Amino acid sequence: SLNVDDTAVYYCAAAVHQMGKQWRRFSKY
């Protein structure tokens, strides 16, 4: 159900999981 607002460059990113981190929000850092 793509719409025009989805137009963008999409980036994949990887992070080594840190013990105890919940990953409940997005942060590029």
mmCIF file of all heavy atoms, coordinates in Angstrom:
data_MODEL
# 
_entry.id   MODEL 
# 
loop_
_atom_site.group_PDB 
_atom_site.id 
_atom_site.type_symbol 
_atom_site.label_atom_id 
_atom_site.label_alt_id 
_atom_site.label_comp_id 
_atom_site.label_asym_id 
_atom_site.label_entity_id 
_atom_site.label_seq_id 
_atom_site.pdbx_PDB_ins_code 
_atom_site.Cartn_x 
_atom_site.Cartn_y 
_atom_site.Cartn_z 
_atom_site.occupancy 
_atom_site.B_iso_or_equiv 
_atom_site.pdbx_formal_charge 
_atom_site.auth_seq_id 
_atom_site.auth_comp_id 
_atom_site.auth_asym_id 
_atom_site.auth_atom_id 
_atom_site.pdbx_PDB_model_num 
ATOM 1   N N   . SER A 1 1  ? 0.829  -1.215  0.000  1.00 0.00 ? 1  SER A N   1 
ATOM 2   C CA  . SER A 1 1  ? 0.000  0.000   0.000  1.00 0.00 ? 1  SER A CA  1 
ATOM 3   C C   . SER A 1 1  ? 0.856  1.254   0.000  1.00 0.00 ? 1  SER A C   1 
ATOM 4   O O   . SER A 1 1  ? 0.626  2.198   0.779  1.00 0.00 ? 1  SER A O   1 
ATOM 5   C CB  . SER A 1 1  ? -0.942 0.005   1.213  1.00 0.00 ? 1  SER A CB  1 
ATOM 6   O OG  . SER A 1 1  ? -1.774 -1.133  1.204  1.00 0.00 ? 1  SER A OG  1 
ATOM 7   N N   . LEU A 1 2  ? 1.820  1.274   -0.879 1.00 0.00 ? 2  LEU A N   1 
ATOM 8   C CA  . LEU A 1 2  ? 2.766  2.397   -0.924 1.00 0.00 ? 2  LEU A CA  1 
ATOM 9   C C   . LEU A 1 2  ? 2.080  3.672   -1.393 1.00 0.00 ? 2  LEU A C   1 
ATOM 10  O O   . LEU A 1 2  ? 1.189  3.636   -2.250 1.00 0.00 ? 2  LEU A O   1 
ATOM 11  C CB  . LEU A 1 2  ? 3.940  2.054   -1.816 1.00 0.00 ? 2  LEU A CB  1 
ATOM 12  C CG  . LEU A 1 2  ? 4.924  1.046   -1.211 1.00 0.00 ? 2  LEU A CG  1 
ATOM 13  C CD1 . LEU A 1 2  ? 5.791  0.423   -2.291 1.00 0.00 ? 2  LEU A CD1 1 
ATOM 14  C CD2 . LEU A 1 2  ? 5.794  1.730   -0.163 1.00 0.00 ? 2  LEU A CD2 1 
ATOM 15  N N   . ASN A 1 3  ? 2.490  4.772   -0.818 1.00 0.00 ? 3  ASN A N   1 
ATOM 16  C CA  . ASN A 1 3  ? 1.989  6.072   -1.263 1.00 0.00 ? 3  ASN A CA  1 
ATOM 17  C C   . ASN A 1 3  ? 3.173  7.004   -1.518 1.00 0.00 ? 3  ASN A C   1 
ATOM 18  O O   . ASN A 1 3  ? 4.324  6.674   -1.219 1.00 0.00 ? 3  ASN A O   1 
ATOM 19  C CB  . ASN A 1 3  ? 1.008  6.639   -0.240 1.00 0.00 ? 3  ASN A CB  1 
ATOM 20  C CG  . ASN A 1 3  ? 1.622  6.823   1.124  1.00 0.00 ? 3  ASN A CG  1 
ATOM 21  O OD1 . ASN A 1 3  ? 2.585  7.579   1.276  1.00 0.00 ? 3  ASN A OD1 1 
ATOM 22  N ND2 . ASN A 1 3  ? 1.081  6.155   2.128  1.00 0.00 ? 3  ASN A ND2 1 
ATOM 23  N N   . VAL A 1 4  ? 2.863  8.164   -2.051 1.00 0.00 ? 4  VAL A N   1 
ATOM 24  C CA  . VAL A 1 4  ? 3.937  9.065   -2.491 1.00 0.00 ? 4  VAL A CA  1 
ATOM 25  C C   . VAL A 1 4  ? 4.814  9.515   -1.327 1.00 0.00 ? 4  VAL A C   1 
ATOM 26  O O   . VAL A 1 4  ? 5.987  9.853   -1.507 1.00 0.00 ? 4  VAL A O   1 
ATOM 27  C CB  . VAL A 1 4  ? 3.372  10.264  -3.269 1.00 0.00 ? 4  VAL A CB  1 
ATOM 28  C CG1 . VAL A 1 4  ? 2.746  9.813   -4.577 1.00 0.00 ? 4  VAL A CG1 1 
ATOM 29  C CG2 . VAL A 1 4  ? 2.377  11.038  -2.426 1.00 0.00 ? 4  VAL A CG2 1 
ATOM 30  N N   . ASP A 1 5  ? 4.255  9.514   -0.122 1.00 0.00 ? 5  ASP A N   1 
ATOM 31  C CA  . ASP A 1 5  ? 5.040  9.908   1.049  1.00 0.00 ? 5  ASP A CA  1 
ATOM 32  C C   . ASP A 1 5  ? 6.108  8.868   1.417  1.00 0.00 ? 5  ASP A C   1 
ATOM 33  O O   . ASP A 1 5  ? 6.978  9.148   2.245  1.00 0.00 ? 5  ASP A O   1 
ATOM 34  C CB  . ASP A 1 5  ? 4.133  10.130  2.256  1.00 0.00 ? 5  ASP A CB  1 
ATOM 35  C CG  . ASP A 1 5  ? 3.249  11.354  2.089  1.00 0.00 ? 5  ASP A CG  1 
ATOM 36  O OD1 . ASP A 1 5  ? 3.657  12.274  1.339  1.00 0.00 ? 5  ASP A OD1 1 
ATOM 37  O OD2 . ASP A 1 5  ? 2.165  11.393  2.694  1.00 0.00 ? 5  ASP A OD2 1 
ATOM 38  N N   . ASP A 1 6  ? 6.028  7.710   0.818  1.00 0.00 ? 6  ASP A N   1 
ATOM 39  C CA  . ASP A 1 6  ? 7.043  6.678   1.058  1.00 0.00 ? 6  ASP A CA  1 
ATOM 40  C C   . ASP A 1 6  ? 8.247  6.840   0.145  1.00 0.00 ? 6  ASP A C   1 
ATOM 41  O O   . ASP A 1 6  ? 9.242  6.117   0.285  1.00 0.00 ? 6  ASP A O   1 
ATOM 42  C CB  . ASP A 1 6  ? 6.448  5.286   0.859  1.00 0.00 ? 6  ASP A CB  1 
ATOM 43  C CG  . ASP A 1 6  ? 5.345  4.971   1.846  1.00 0.00 ? 6  ASP A CG  1 
ATOM 44  O OD1 . ASP A 1 6  ? 5.537  5.261   3.049  1.00 0.00 ? 6  ASP A OD1 1 
ATOM 45  O OD2 . ASP A 1 6  ? 4.292  4.448   1.426  1.00 0.00 ? 6  ASP A OD2 1 
ATOM 46  N N   . THR A 1 7  ? 8.167  7.764   -0.796 1.00 0.00 ? 7  THR A N   1 
ATOM 47  C CA  . THR A 1 7  ? 9.293  8.008   -1.703 1.00 0.00 ? 7  THR A CA  1 
ATOM 48  C C   . THR A 1 7  ? 10.485 8.532   -0.914 1.00 0.00 ? 7  THR A C   1 
ATOM 49  O O   . THR A 1 7  ? 10.377 9.521   -0.185 1.00 0.00 ? 7  THR A O   1 
ATOM 50  C CB  . THR A 1 7  ? 8.902  9.027   -2.791 1.00 0.00 ? 7  THR A CB  1 
ATOM 51  O OG1 . THR A 1 7  ? 7.889  8.451   -3.617 1.00 0.00 ? 7  THR A OG1 1 
ATOM 52  C CG2 . THR A 1 7  ? 10.092 9.392   -3.647 1.00 0.00 ? 7  THR A CG2 1 
ATOM 53  N N   . ALA A 1 8  ? 11.604 7.849   -1.040 1.00 0.00 ? 8  ALA A N   1 
ATOM 54  C CA  . ALA A 1 8  ? 12.804 8.207   -0.279 1.00 0.00 ? 8  ALA A CA  1 
ATOM 55  C C   . ALA A 1 8  ? 13.944 7.280   -0.683 1.00 0.00 ? 8  ALA A C   1 
ATOM 56  O O   . ALA A 1 8  ? 13.727 6.284   -1.381 1.00 0.00 ? 8  ALA A O   1 
ATOM 57  C CB  . ALA A 1 8  ? 12.553 8.067   1.230  1.00 0.00 ? 8  ALA A CB  1 
ATOM 58  N N   . VAL A 1 9  ? 15.122 7.601   -0.202 1.00 0.00 ? 9  VAL A N   1 
ATOM 59  C CA  . VAL A 1 9  ? 16.220 6.643   -0.231 1.00 0.00 ? 9  VAL A CA  1 
ATOM 60  C C   . VAL A 1 9  ? 16.143 5.832   1.055  1.00 0.00 ? 9  VAL A C   1 
ATOM 61  O O   . VAL A 1 9  ? 16.089 6.406   2.147  1.00 0.00 ? 9  VAL A O   1 
ATOM 62  C CB  . VAL A 1 9  ? 17.589 7.336   -0.353 1.00 0.00 ? 9  VAL A CB  1 
ATOM 63  C CG1 . VAL A 1 9  ? 18.708 6.297   -0.300 1.00 0.00 ? 9  VAL A CG1 1 
ATOM 64  C CG2 . VAL A 1 9  ? 17.663 8.148   -1.635 1.00 0.00 ? 9  VAL A CG2 1 
ATOM 65  N N   . TYR A 1 10 ? 16.115 4.544   0.913  1.00 0.00 ? 10 TYR A N   1 
ATOM 66  C CA  . TYR A 1 10 ? 16.012 3.646   2.058  1.00 0.00 ? 10 TYR A CA  1 
ATOM 67  C C   . TYR A 1 10 ? 17.377 3.056   2.374  1.00 0.00 ? 10 TYR A C   1 
ATOM 68  O O   . TYR A 1 10 ? 18.076 2.556   1.484  1.00 0.00 ? 10 TYR A O   1 
ATOM 69  C CB  . TYR A 1 10 ? 15.004 2.532   1.763  1.00 0.00 ? 10 TYR A CB  1 
ATOM 70  C CG  . TYR A 1 10 ? 13.577 2.995   1.868  1.00 0.00 ? 10 TYR A CG  1 
ATOM 71  C CD1 . TYR A 1 10 ? 13.036 3.867   0.919  1.00 0.00 ? 10 TYR A CD1 1 
ATOM 72  C CD2 . TYR A 1 10 ? 12.763 2.588   2.924  1.00 0.00 ? 10 TYR A CD2 1 
ATOM 73  C CE1 . TYR A 1 10 ? 11.731 4.316   1.020  1.00 0.00 ? 10 TYR A CE1 1 
ATOM 74  C CE2 . TYR A 1 10 ? 11.454 3.029   3.033  1.00 0.00 ? 10 TYR A CE2 1 
ATOM 75  C CZ  . TYR A 1 10 ? 10.941 3.891   2.074  1.00 0.00 ? 10 TYR A CZ  1 
ATOM 76  O OH  . TYR A 1 10 ? 9.648  4.337   2.186  1.00 0.00 ? 10 TYR A OH  1 
ATOM 77  N N   . TYR A 1 11 ? 17.721 3.116   3.651  1.00 0.00 ? 11 TYR A N   1 
ATOM 78  C CA  . TYR A 1 11 ? 19.014 2.627   4.107  1.00 0.00 ? 11 TYR A CA  1 
ATOM 79  C C   . TYR A 1 11 ? 18.822 1.481   5.096  1.00 0.00 ? 11 TYR A C   1 
ATOM 80  O O   . TYR A 1 11 ? 17.981 1.571   5.995  1.00 0.00 ? 11 TYR A O   1 
ATOM 81  C CB  . TYR A 1 11 ? 19.788 3.731   4.826  1.00 0.00 ? 11 TYR A CB  1 
ATOM 82  C CG  . TYR A 1 11 ? 20.159 4.898   3.947  1.00 0.00 ? 11 TYR A CG  1 
ATOM 83  C CD1 . TYR A 1 11 ? 19.317 5.994   3.815  1.00 0.00 ? 11 TYR A CD1 1 
ATOM 84  C CD2 . TYR A 1 11 ? 21.370 4.915   3.261  1.00 0.00 ? 11 TYR A CD2 1 
ATOM 85  C CE1 . TYR A 1 11 ? 19.659 7.069   3.012  1.00 0.00 ? 11 TYR A CE1 1 
ATOM 86  C CE2 . TYR A 1 11 ? 21.730 5.995   2.458  1.00 0.00 ? 11 TYR A CE2 1 
ATOM 87  C CZ  . TYR A 1 11 ? 20.857 7.060   2.340  1.00 0.00 ? 11 TYR A CZ  1 
ATOM 88  O OH  . TYR A 1 11 ? 21.212 8.126   1.550  1.00 0.00 ? 11 TYR A OH  1 
ATOM 89  N N   . CYS A 1 12 ? 19.610 0.474   4.927  1.00 0.00 ? 12 CYS A N   1 
ATOM 90  C CA  . CYS A 1 12 ? 19.678 -0.597  5.905  1.00 0.00 ? 12 CYS A CA  1 
ATOM 91  C C   . CYS A 1 12 ? 20.857 -0.319  6.839  1.00 0.00 ? 12 CYS A C   1 
ATOM 92  O O   . CYS A 1 12 ? 21.896 0.198   6.408  1.00 0.00 ? 12 CYS A O   1 
ATOM 93  C CB  . CYS A 1 12 ? 19.892 -1.921  5.185  1.00 0.00 ? 12 CYS A CB  1 
ATOM 94  S SG  . CYS A 1 12 ? 20.114 -3.319  6.290  1.00 0.00 ? 12 CYS A SG  1 
ATOM 95  N N   . ALA A 1 13 ? 20.675 -0.650  8.096  1.00 0.00 ? 13 ALA A N   1 
ATOM 96  C CA  . ALA A 1 13 ? 21.735 -0.440  9.069  1.00 0.00 ? 13 ALA A CA  1 
ATOM 97  C C   . ALA A 1 13 ? 21.782 -1.618  10.037 1.00 0.00 ? 13 ALA A C   1 
ATOM 98  O O   . ALA A 1 13 ? 20.747 -2.239  10.307 1.00 0.00 ? 13 ALA A O   1 
ATOM 99  C CB  . ALA A 1 13 ? 21.499 0.854   9.836  1.00 0.00 ? 13 ALA A CB  1 
ATOM 100 N N   . ALA A 1 14 ? 22.970 -1.895  10.530 1.00 0.00 ? 14 ALA A N   1 
ATOM 101 C CA  . ALA A 1 14 ? 23.145 -3.011  11.448 1.00 0.00 ? 14 ALA A CA  1 
ATOM 102 C C   . ALA A 1 14 ? 23.800 -2.535  12.734 1.00 0.00 ? 14 ALA A C   1 
ATOM 103 O O   . ALA A 1 14 ? 24.675 -1.658  12.712 1.00 0.00 ? 14 ALA A O   1 
ATOM 104 C CB  . ALA A 1 14 ? 24.004 -4.097  10.806 1.00 0.00 ? 14 ALA A CB  1 
ATOM 105 N N   . ALA A 1 15 ? 23.368 -3.130  13.813 1.00 0.00 ? 15 ALA A N   1 
ATOM 106 C CA  . ALA A 1 15 ? 23.942 -2.817  15.117 1.00 0.00 ? 15 ALA A CA  1 
ATOM 107 C C   . ALA A 1 15 ? 24.155 -4.102  15.890 1.00 0.00 ? 15 ALA A C   1 
ATOM 108 O O   . ALA A 1 15 ? 23.297 -4.994  15.866 1.00 0.00 ? 15 ALA A O   1 
ATOM 109 C CB  . ALA A 1 15 ? 23.020 -1.901  15.900 1.00 0.00 ? 15 ALA A CB  1 
ATOM 110 N N   . VAL A 1 16 ? 25.266 -4.180  16.575 1.00 0.00 ? 16 VAL A N   1 
ATOM 111 C CA  . VAL A 1 16 ? 25.501 -5.309  17.460 1.00 0.00 ? 16 VAL A CA  1 
ATOM 112 C C   . VAL A 1 16 ? 24.624 -5.129  18.684 1.00 0.00 ? 16 VAL A C   1 
ATOM 113 O O   . VAL A 1 16 ? 24.668 -4.086  19.347 1.00 0.00 ? 16 VAL A O   1 
ATOM 114 C CB  . VAL A 1 16 ? 26.978 -5.402  17.862 1.00 0.00 ? 16 VAL A CB  1 
ATOM 115 C CG1 . VAL A 1 16 ? 27.184 -6.558  18.834 1.00 0.00 ? 16 VAL A CG1 1 
ATOM 116 C CG2 . VAL A 1 16 ? 27.863 -5.555  16.627 1.00 0.00 ? 16 VAL A CG2 1 
ATOM 117 N N   . HIS A 1 17 ? 23.819 -6.139  18.959 1.00 0.00 ? 17 HIS A N   1 
ATOM 118 C CA  . HIS A 1 17 ? 22.906 -6.034  20.096 1.00 0.00 ? 17 HIS A CA  1 
ATOM 119 C C   . HIS A 1 17 ? 23.683 -5.891  21.402 1.00 0.00 ? 17 HIS A C   1 
ATOM 120 O O   . HIS A 1 17 ? 24.673 -6.590  21.629 1.00 0.00 ? 17 HIS A O   1 
ATOM 121 C CB  . HIS A 1 17 ? 22.024 -7.266  20.171 1.00 0.00 ? 17 HIS A CB  1 
ATOM 122 C CG  . HIS A 1 17 ? 21.150 -7.297  21.386 1.00 0.00 ? 17 HIS A CG  1 
ATOM 123 N ND1 . HIS A 1 17 ? 20.231 -6.306  21.655 1.00 0.00 ? 17 HIS A ND1 1 
ATOM 124 C CD2 . HIS A 1 17 ? 21.083 -8.168  22.420 1.00 0.00 ? 17 HIS A CD2 1 
ATOM 125 C CE1 . HIS A 1 17 ? 19.615 -6.587  22.793 1.00 0.00 ? 17 HIS A CE1 1 
ATOM 126 N NE2 . HIS A 1 17 ? 20.128 -7.715  23.276 1.00 0.00 ? 17 HIS A NE2 1 
ATOM 127 N N   . GLN A 1 18 ? 23.229 -4.971  22.225 1.00 0.00 ? 18 GLN A N   1 
ATOM 128 C CA  . GLN A 1 18 ? 23.837 -4.746  23.528 1.00 0.00 ? 18 GLN A CA  1 
ATOM 129 C C   . GLN A 1 18 ? 22.948 -5.346  24.605 1.00 0.00 ? 18 GLN A C   1 
ATOM 130 O O   . GLN A 1 18 ? 21.740 -5.097  24.629 1.00 0.00 ? 18 GLN A O   1 
ATOM 131 C CB  . GLN A 1 18 ? 24.001 -3.246  23.765 1.00 0.00 ? 18 GLN A CB  1 
ATOM 132 C CG  . GLN A 1 18 ? 24.834 -2.553  22.704 1.00 0.00 ? 18 GLN A CG  1 
ATOM 133 C CD  . GLN A 1 18 ? 24.632 -1.051  22.736 1.00 0.00 ? 18 GLN A CD  1 
ATOM 134 O OE1 . GLN A 1 18 ? 24.471 -0.461  23.801 1.00 0.00 ? 18 GLN A OE1 1 
ATOM 135 N NE2 . GLN A 1 18 ? 24.613 -0.427  21.571 1.00 0.00 ? 18 GLN A NE2 1 
ATOM 136 N N   . MET A 1 19 ? 23.536 -6.120  25.489 1.00 0.00 ? 19 MET A N   1 
ATOM 137 C CA  . MET A 1 19 ? 22.783 -6.786  26.543 1.00 0.00 ? 19 MET A CA  1 
ATOM 138 C C   . MET A 1 19 ? 21.947 -5.772  27.324 1.00 0.00 ? 19 MET A C   1 
ATOM 139 O O   . MET A 1 19 ? 22.464 -4.737  27.765 1.00 0.00 ? 19 MET A O   1 
ATOM 140 C CB  . MET A 1 19 ? 23.752 -7.492  27.492 1.00 0.00 ? 19 MET A CB  1 
ATOM 141 C CG  . MET A 1 19 ? 23.093 -8.385  28.507 1.00 0.00 ? 19 MET A CG  1 
ATOM 142 S SD  . MET A 1 19 ? 22.386 -9.859  27.754 1.00 0.00 ? 19 MET A SD  1 
ATOM 143 C CE  . MET A 1 19 ? 23.887 -10.744 27.327 1.00 0.00 ? 19 MET A CE  1 
ATOM 144 N N   . GLY A 1 20 ? 20.660 -6.066  27.421 1.00 0.00 ? 20 GLY A N   1 
ATOM 145 C CA  . GLY A 1 20 ? 19.780 -5.206  28.189 1.00 0.00 ? 20 GLY A CA  1 
ATOM 146 C C   . GLY A 1 20 ? 19.130 -4.089  27.394 1.00 0.00 ? 20 GLY A C   1 
ATOM 147 O O   . GLY A 1 20 ? 18.171 -3.464  27.867 1.00 0.00 ? 20 GLY A O   1 
ATOM 148 N N   . LYS A 1 21 ? 19.601 -3.821  26.207 1.00 0.00 ? 21 LYS A N   1 
ATOM 149 C CA  . LYS A 1 21 ? 19.003 -2.749  25.395 1.00 0.00 ? 21 LYS A CA  1 
ATOM 150 C C   . LYS A 1 21 ? 17.688 -3.231  24.819 1.00 0.00 ? 21 LYS A C   1 
ATOM 151 O O   . LYS A 1 21 ? 17.601 -4.319  24.270 1.00 0.00 ? 21 LYS A O   1 
ATOM 152 C CB  . LYS A 1 21 ? 19.948 -2.319  24.279 1.00 0.00 ? 21 LYS A CB  1 
ATOM 153 C CG  . LYS A 1 21 ? 19.455 -1.084  23.510 1.00 0.00 ? 21 LYS A CG  1 
ATOM 154 C CD  . LYS A 1 21 ? 20.515 -0.607  22.523 1.00 0.00 ? 21 LYS A CD  1 
ATOM 155 C CE  . LYS A 1 21 ? 20.011 0.559   21.683 1.00 0.00 ? 21 LYS A CE  1 
ATOM 156 N NZ  . LYS A 1 21 ? 19.736 1.740   22.486 1.00 0.00 ? 21 LYS A NZ  1 
ATOM 157 N N   . GLN A 1 22 ? 16.646 -2.414  24.929 1.00 0.00 ? 22 GLN A N   1 
ATOM 158 C CA  . GLN A 1 22 ? 15.290 -2.825  24.557 1.00 0.00 ? 22 GLN A CA  1 
ATOM 159 C C   . GLN A 1 22 ? 14.950 -2.501  23.092 1.00 0.00 ? 22 GLN A C   1 
ATOM 160 O O   . GLN A 1 22 ? 14.027 -3.085  22.539 1.00 0.00 ? 22 GLN A O   1 
ATOM 161 C CB  . GLN A 1 22 ? 14.266 -2.137  25.464 1.00 0.00 ? 22 GLN A CB  1 
ATOM 162 C CG  . GLN A 1 22 ? 14.438 -2.471  26.935 1.00 0.00 ? 22 GLN A CG  1 
ATOM 163 C CD  . GLN A 1 22 ? 14.204 -3.938  27.219 1.00 0.00 ? 22 GLN A CD  1 
ATOM 164 O OE1 . GLN A 1 22 ? 13.185 -4.502  26.838 1.00 0.00 ? 22 GLN A OE1 1 
ATOM 165 N NE2 . GLN A 1 22 ? 15.160 -4.586  27.865 1.00 0.00 ? 22 GLN A NE2 1 
ATOM 166 N N   . TRP A 1 23 ? 15.638 -1.567  22.503 1.00 0.00 ? 23 TRP A N   1 
ATOM 167 C CA  . TRP A 1 23 ? 15.374 -1.178  21.109 1.00 0.00 ? 23 TRP A CA  1 
ATOM 168 C C   . TRP A 1 23 ? 13.899 -0.794  20.959 1.00 0.00 ? 23 TRP A C   1 
ATOM 169 O O   . TRP A 1 23 ? 13.182 -1.343  20.102 1.00 0.00 ? 23 TRP A O   1 
ATOM 170 C CB  . TRP A 1 23 ? 15.749 -2.309  20.152 1.00 0.00 ? 23 TRP A CB  1 
ATOM 171 C CG  . TRP A 1 23 ? 17.198 -2.651  20.195 1.00 0.00 ? 23 TRP A CG  1 
ATOM 172 C CD1 . TRP A 1 23 ? 17.784 -3.622  20.948 1.00 0.00 ? 23 TRP A CD1 1 
ATOM 173 C CD2 . TRP A 1 23 ? 18.265 -1.993  19.492 1.00 0.00 ? 23 TRP A CD2 1 
ATOM 174 N NE1 . TRP A 1 23 ? 19.142 -3.622  20.744 1.00 0.00 ? 23 TRP A NE1 1 
ATOM 175 C CE2 . TRP A 1 23 ? 19.468 -2.638  19.861 1.00 0.00 ? 23 TRP A CE2 1 
ATOM 176 C CE3 . TRP A 1 23 ? 18.314 -0.940  18.575 1.00 0.00 ? 23 TRP A CE3 1 
ATOM 177 C CZ2 . TRP A 1 23 ? 20.711 -2.253  19.348 1.00 0.00 ? 23 TRP A CZ2 1 
ATOM 178 C CZ3 . TRP A 1 23 ? 19.545 -0.567  18.061 1.00 0.00 ? 23 TRP A CZ3 1 
ATOM 179 C CH2 . TRP A 1 23 ? 20.714 -1.218  18.452 1.00 0.00 ? 23 TRP A CH2 1 
ATOM 180 N N   . ARG A 1 24 ? 13.482 0.203   21.737 1.00 0.00 ? 24 ARG A N   1 
ATOM 181 C CA  . ARG A 1 24 ? 12.102 0.658   21.689 1.00 0.00 ? 24 ARG A CA  1 
ATOM 182 C C   . ARG A 1 24 ? 11.921 1.967   20.948 1.00 0.00 ? 24 ARG A C   1 
ATOM 183 O O   . ARG A 1 24 ? 10.810 2.501   20.880 1.00 0.00 ? 24 ARG A O   1 
ATOM 184 C CB  . ARG A 1 24 ? 11.562 0.802   23.114 1.00 0.00 ? 24 ARG A CB  1 
ATOM 185 C CG  . ARG A 1 24 ? 11.356 -0.517  23.812 1.00 0.00 ? 24 ARG A CG  1 
ATOM 186 C CD  . ARG A 1 24 ? 10.846 -0.336  25.215 1.00 0.00 ? 24 ARG A CD  1 
ATOM 187 N NE  . ARG A 1 24 ? 10.610 -1.634  25.869 1.00 0.00 ? 24 ARG A NE  1 
ATOM 188 C CZ  . ARG A 1 24 ? 10.326 -1.774  27.146 1.00 0.00 ? 24 ARG A CZ  1 
ATOM 189 N NH1 . ARG A 1 24 ? 10.238 -0.703  27.918 1.00 0.00 ? 24 ARG A NH1 1 
ATOM 190 N NH2 . ARG A 1 24 ? 10.146 -2.972  27.653 1.00 0.00 ? 24 ARG A NH2 1 
ATOM 191 N N   . ARG A 1 25 ? 13.045 2.505   20.433 1.00 0.00 ? 25 ARG A N   1 
ATOM 192 C CA  . ARG A 1 25 ? 12.927 3.723   19.649 1.00 0.00 ? 25 ARG A CA  1 
ATOM 193 C C   . ARG A 1 25 ? 14.003 3.709   18.579 1.00 0.00 ? 25 ARG A C   1 
ATOM 194 O O   . ARG A 1 25 ? 14.969 2.944   18.646 1.00 0.00 ? 25 ARG A O   1 
ATOM 195 C CB  . ARG A 1 25 ? 13.066 4.946   20.543 1.00 0.00 ? 25 ARG A CB  1 
ATOM 196 C CG  . ARG A 1 25 ? 14.434 5.095   21.174 1.00 0.00 ? 25 ARG A CG  1 
ATOM 197 C CD  . ARG A 1 25 ? 14.509 6.340   22.046 1.00 0.00 ? 25 ARG A CD  1 
ATOM 198 N NE  . ARG A 1 25 ? 15.854 6.533   22.568 1.00 0.00 ? 25 ARG A NE  1 
ATOM 199 C CZ  . ARG A 1 25 ? 16.801 7.239   21.937 1.00 0.00 ? 25 ARG A CZ  1 
ATOM 200 N NH1 . ARG A 1 25 ? 16.536 7.795   20.779 1.00 0.00 ? 25 ARG A NH1 1 
ATOM 201 N NH2 . ARG A 1 25 ? 17.983 7.371   22.474 1.00 0.00 ? 25 ARG A NH2 1 
ATOM 202 N N   . PHE A 1 26 ? 13.836 4.582   17.587 1.00 0.00 ? 26 PHE A N   1 
ATOM 203 C CA  . PHE A 1 26 ? 14.802 4.671   16.506 1.00 0.00 ? 26 PHE A CA  1 
ATOM 204 C C   . PHE A 1 26 ? 15.843 5.737   16.821 1.00 0.00 ? 26 PHE A C   1 
ATOM 205 O O   . PHE A 1 26 ? 15.497 6.847   17.185 1.00 0.00 ? 26 PHE A O   1 
ATOM 206 C CB  . PHE A 1 26 ? 14.112 5.048   15.190 1.00 0.00 ? 26 PHE A CB  1 
ATOM 207 C CG  . PHE A 1 26 ? 13.148 4.016   14.694 1.00 0.00 ? 26 PHE A CG  1 
ATOM 208 C CD1 . PHE A 1 26 ? 11.783 4.211   14.823 1.00 0.00 ? 26 PHE A CD1 1 
ATOM 209 C CD2 . PHE A 1 26 ? 13.613 2.856   14.087 1.00 0.00 ? 26 PHE A CD2 1 
ATOM 210 C CE1 . PHE A 1 26 ? 10.884 3.265   14.356 1.00 0.00 ? 26 PHE A CE1 1 
ATOM 211 C CE2 . PHE A 1 26 ? 12.719 1.907   13.620 1.00 0.00 ? 26 PHE A CE2 1 
ATOM 212 C CZ  . PHE A 1 26 ? 11.355 2.108   13.756 1.00 0.00 ? 26 PHE A CZ  1 
ATOM 213 N N   . SER A 1 27 ? 17.092 5.368   16.630 1.00 0.00 ? 27 SER A N   1 
ATOM 214 C CA  . SER A 1 27 ? 18.160 6.354   16.685 1.00 0.00 ? 27 SER A CA  1 
ATOM 215 C C   . SER A 1 27 ? 19.254 5.920   15.728 1.00 0.00 ? 27 SER A C   1 
ATOM 216 O O   . SER A 1 27 ? 19.802 4.817   15.872 1.00 0.00 ? 27 SER A O   1 
ATOM 217 C CB  . SER A 1 27 ? 18.745 6.480   18.086 1.00 0.00 ? 27 SER A CB  1 
ATOM 218 O OG  . SER A 1 27 ? 19.886 7.324   18.048 1.00 0.00 ? 27 SER A OG  1 
ATOM 219 N N   . LYS A 1 28 ? 19.575 6.780   14.792 1.00 0.00 ? 28 LYS A N   1 
ATOM 220 C CA  . LYS A 1 28 ? 20.608 6.418   13.823 1.00 0.00 ? 28 LYS A CA  1 
ATOM 221 C C   . LYS A 1 28 ? 21.959 6.233   14.509 1.00 0.00 ? 28 LYS A C   1 
ATOM 222 O O   . LYS A 1 28 ? 22.826 5.517   14.001 1.00 0.00 ? 28 LYS A O   1 
ATOM 223 C CB  . LYS A 1 28 ? 20.701 7.466   12.721 1.00 0.00 ? 28 LYS A CB  1 
ATOM 224 C CG  . LYS A 1 28 ? 21.029 8.867   13.203 1.00 0.00 ? 28 LYS A CG  1 
ATOM 225 C CD  . LYS A 1 28 ? 20.971 9.869   12.048 1.00 0.00 ? 28 LYS A CD  1 
ATOM 226 C CE  . LYS A 1 28 ? 21.275 11.267  12.528 1.00 0.00 ? 28 LYS A CE  1 
ATOM 227 N NZ  . LYS A 1 28 ? 21.180 12.266  11.452 1.00 0.00 ? 28 LYS A NZ  1 
ATOM 228 N N   . TYR A 1 29 ? 22.127 6.816   15.675 1.00 0.00 ? 29 TYR A N   1 
ATOM 229 C CA  . TYR A 1 29 ? 23.410 6.728   16.374 1.00 0.00 ? 29 TYR A CA  1 
ATOM 230 C C   . TYR A 1 29 ? 23.625 5.360   17.024 1.00 0.00 ? 29 TYR A C   1 
ATOM 231 O O   . TYR A 1 29 ? 24.724 5.040   17.459 1.00 0.00 ? 29 TYR A O   1 
ATOM 232 C CB  . TYR A 1 29 ? 23.505 7.839   17.415 1.00 0.00 ? 29 TYR A CB  1 
ATOM 233 C CG  . TYR A 1 29 ? 23.326 9.211   16.818 1.00 0.00 ? 29 TYR A CG  1 
ATOM 234 C CD1 . TYR A 1 29 ? 22.166 9.953   17.030 1.00 0.00 ? 29 TYR A CD1 1 
ATOM 235 C CD2 . TYR A 1 29 ? 24.311 9.764   16.003 1.00 0.00 ? 29 TYR A CD2 1 
ATOM 236 C CE1 . TYR A 1 29 ? 21.991 11.196  16.449 1.00 0.00 ? 29 TYR A CE1 1 
ATOM 237 C CE2 . TYR A 1 29 ? 24.150 11.012  15.421 1.00 0.00 ? 29 TYR A CE2 1 
ATOM 238 C CZ  . TYR A 1 29 ? 22.982 11.711  15.647 1.00 0.00 ? 29 TYR A CZ  1 
ATOM 239 O OH  . TYR A 1 29 ? 22.811 12.947  15.072 1.00 0.00 ? 29 TYR A OH  1 
# 
